[in-house]
Structures are given as C-alpha cells and as structure tokens.
Amino acid sequence: MRTLENLQKQSSGVIRRVHGSGLTLDRLLALGFTPGTQVTYLFCAPFGDPVVFRLRGTTLAIGRAQARLIELREESKKKRKKCTAFLPL
C-alpha cells in the first residue's frame, strides 16, 4: 500500500482512501485530504516530522503518523502511446 509517507520529495500522487477513525479522520478530511485530490510532497522538518504537502492550492503540514493513514492510488504501469497522427495541410 502506497501512502503519503512513502512519497519522494517533489513528487505527487492522488488520494485513494483515508484510513483512521474519530477526530483524526475528521481533521484530515476537513483539511482537504479527500479521495481524488492530488497531493505534492514538498519537504519535511529537519528531524523528519512534520511533513509538508501542497494540495488544493494551499500548503499544509501534518505529522508522519497522519501521512501514514492516507493511501494513494497505484500508478498505472501501462504507458500511454503518444498520438502521432499526420494531418495534411
């Protein structure tokens, strides 16, 4: 399972599911960590916690424990072919 905690710096992913319960789940959803949202990992604090993400046009910091609860979609292994159709002028 790929989570926000596993993202590399300056890479992004799309949220698949937010695990957890109670106030933790409510807080993450209220901050905008909802399924279908694209998230970019920016940086972390000097000792590794908290971690900073950009989503929905804003920058947010959450703890590693919370980042572990946010599951990302798996990247598709299949690459799209580039369209190279020739159109005469």
Protein backbone atom coordinates (compact mmCIF):
# COMPACT_ATOMS: atom_id res chain seq x y z
CA MET A 1 0.00 0.00 0.00
CA ARG A 2 1.44 3.36 -1.05
CA THR A 3 0.85 6.21 1.39
CA LEU A 4 1.73 9.90 1.63
CA GLU A 5 4.60 8.92 3.91
CA ASN A 6 6.20 6.98 1.01
CA LEU A 7 6.22 9.87 -1.48
CA GLN A 8 9.59 11.21 -2.59
CA LYS A 9 10.33 14.94 -2.40
CA GLN A 10 8.69 16.99 -5.15
CA SER A 11 6.60 14.02 -6.34
CA SER A 12 2.84 13.80 -6.29
CA GLY A 13 0.01 11.33 -6.11
CA VAL A 14 -3.76 11.12 -5.95
CA ILE A 15 -5.51 10.17 -2.73
CA ARG A 16 -7.36 6.85 -2.95
CA ARG A 17 -8.57 6.47 0.63
CA VAL A 18 -8.14 8.00 4.08
CA HIS A 19 -7.85 5.45 6.88
CA GLY A 20 -8.42 6.15 10.55
CA SER A 21 -11.39 7.00 12.71
CA GLY A 22 -12.80 9.60 15.01
CA LEU A 23 -11.23 13.03 15.31
CA THR A 24 -8.14 12.10 13.28
CA LEU A 25 -10.22 11.11 10.26
CA ASP A 26 -12.47 14.16 10.65
CA ARG A 27 -9.46 16.50 10.81
CA LEU A 28 -7.76 15.04 7.73
CA LEU A 29 -10.97 15.27 5.70
CA ALA A 30 -11.61 18.83 6.91
CA LEU A 31 -8.10 19.85 5.85
CA GLY A 32 -8.87 18.66 2.32
CA PHE A 33 -7.23 15.22 2.26
CA THR A 34 -10.17 13.66 0.42
CA PRO A 35 -10.26 10.88 -2.19
CA GLY A 36 -9.48 12.11 -5.70
CA THR A 37 -7.32 15.04 -4.52
CA GLN A 38 -3.83 15.45 -5.99
CA VAL A 39 -1.13 15.95 -3.34
CA THR A 40 2.50 17.03 -3.81
CA TYR A 41 5.17 16.32 -1.18
CA LEU A 42 7.22 19.48 -0.66
CA PHE A 43 9.60 18.91 2.27
CA CYS A 44 9.86 17.80 5.89
CA ALA A 45 11.13 19.41 9.07
CA PRO A 46 14.81 18.85 9.95
CA PHE A 47 14.05 15.86 12.20
CA GLY A 48 11.51 14.35 9.77
CA ASP A 49 8.27 15.40 11.42
CA PRO A 50 6.01 17.15 10.36
CA VAL A 51 5.88 16.74 6.60
CA VAL A 52 4.62 19.49 4.29
CA PHE A 53 2.31 18.94 1.32
CA ARG A 54 0.62 21.11 -1.30
CA LEU A 55 -2.98 20.33 -2.14
CA ARG A 56 -5.96 22.33 -3.37
CA GLY A 57 -3.79 25.43 -3.81
CA THR A 58 -2.56 25.56 -0.23
CA THR A 59 0.38 24.26 1.80
CA LEU A 60 -0.32 22.04 4.81
CA ALA A 61 1.86 20.30 7.39
CA ILE A 62 0.81 17.07 9.08
CA GLY A 63 2.63 14.50 11.20
CA ARG A 64 4.14 11.34 9.74
CA ALA A 65 1.59 9.26 11.67
CA GLN A 66 -1.24 11.06 9.88
CA ALA A 67 0.56 10.83 6.50
CA ARG A 68 0.71 7.06 7.02
CA LEU A 69 -3.12 6.96 7.12
CA ILE A 70 -3.57 8.49 3.66
CA GLU A 71 -3.46 5.87 0.91
CA LEU A 72 -2.55 6.86 -2.65
CA ARG A 73 -3.67 5.35 -5.94
CA GLU A 74 -1.21 2.97 -7.52
CA GLU A 75 0.49 4.37 -10.60
CA SER A 76 -0.50 2.61 -13.76
CA LYS A 77 2.32 0.53 -15.22
CA LYS A 78 0.90 0.98 -18.69
CA LYS A 79 2.27 3.98 -20.55
CA ARG A 80 0.04 5.84 -22.95
CA LYS A 81 1.15 5.89 -26.54
CA LYS A 82 1.79 9.28 -27.99
CA CYS A 83 -0.56 10.23 -30.79
CA THR A 84 1.48 10.76 -33.93
CA ALA A 85 -1.27 11.15 -36.48
CA PHE A 86 -0.25 13.13 -39.53
CA LEU A 87 -2.72 15.68 -40.77
CA PRO A 88 -2.01 17.10 -44.23
CA LEU A 89 -2.31 20.87 -44.62
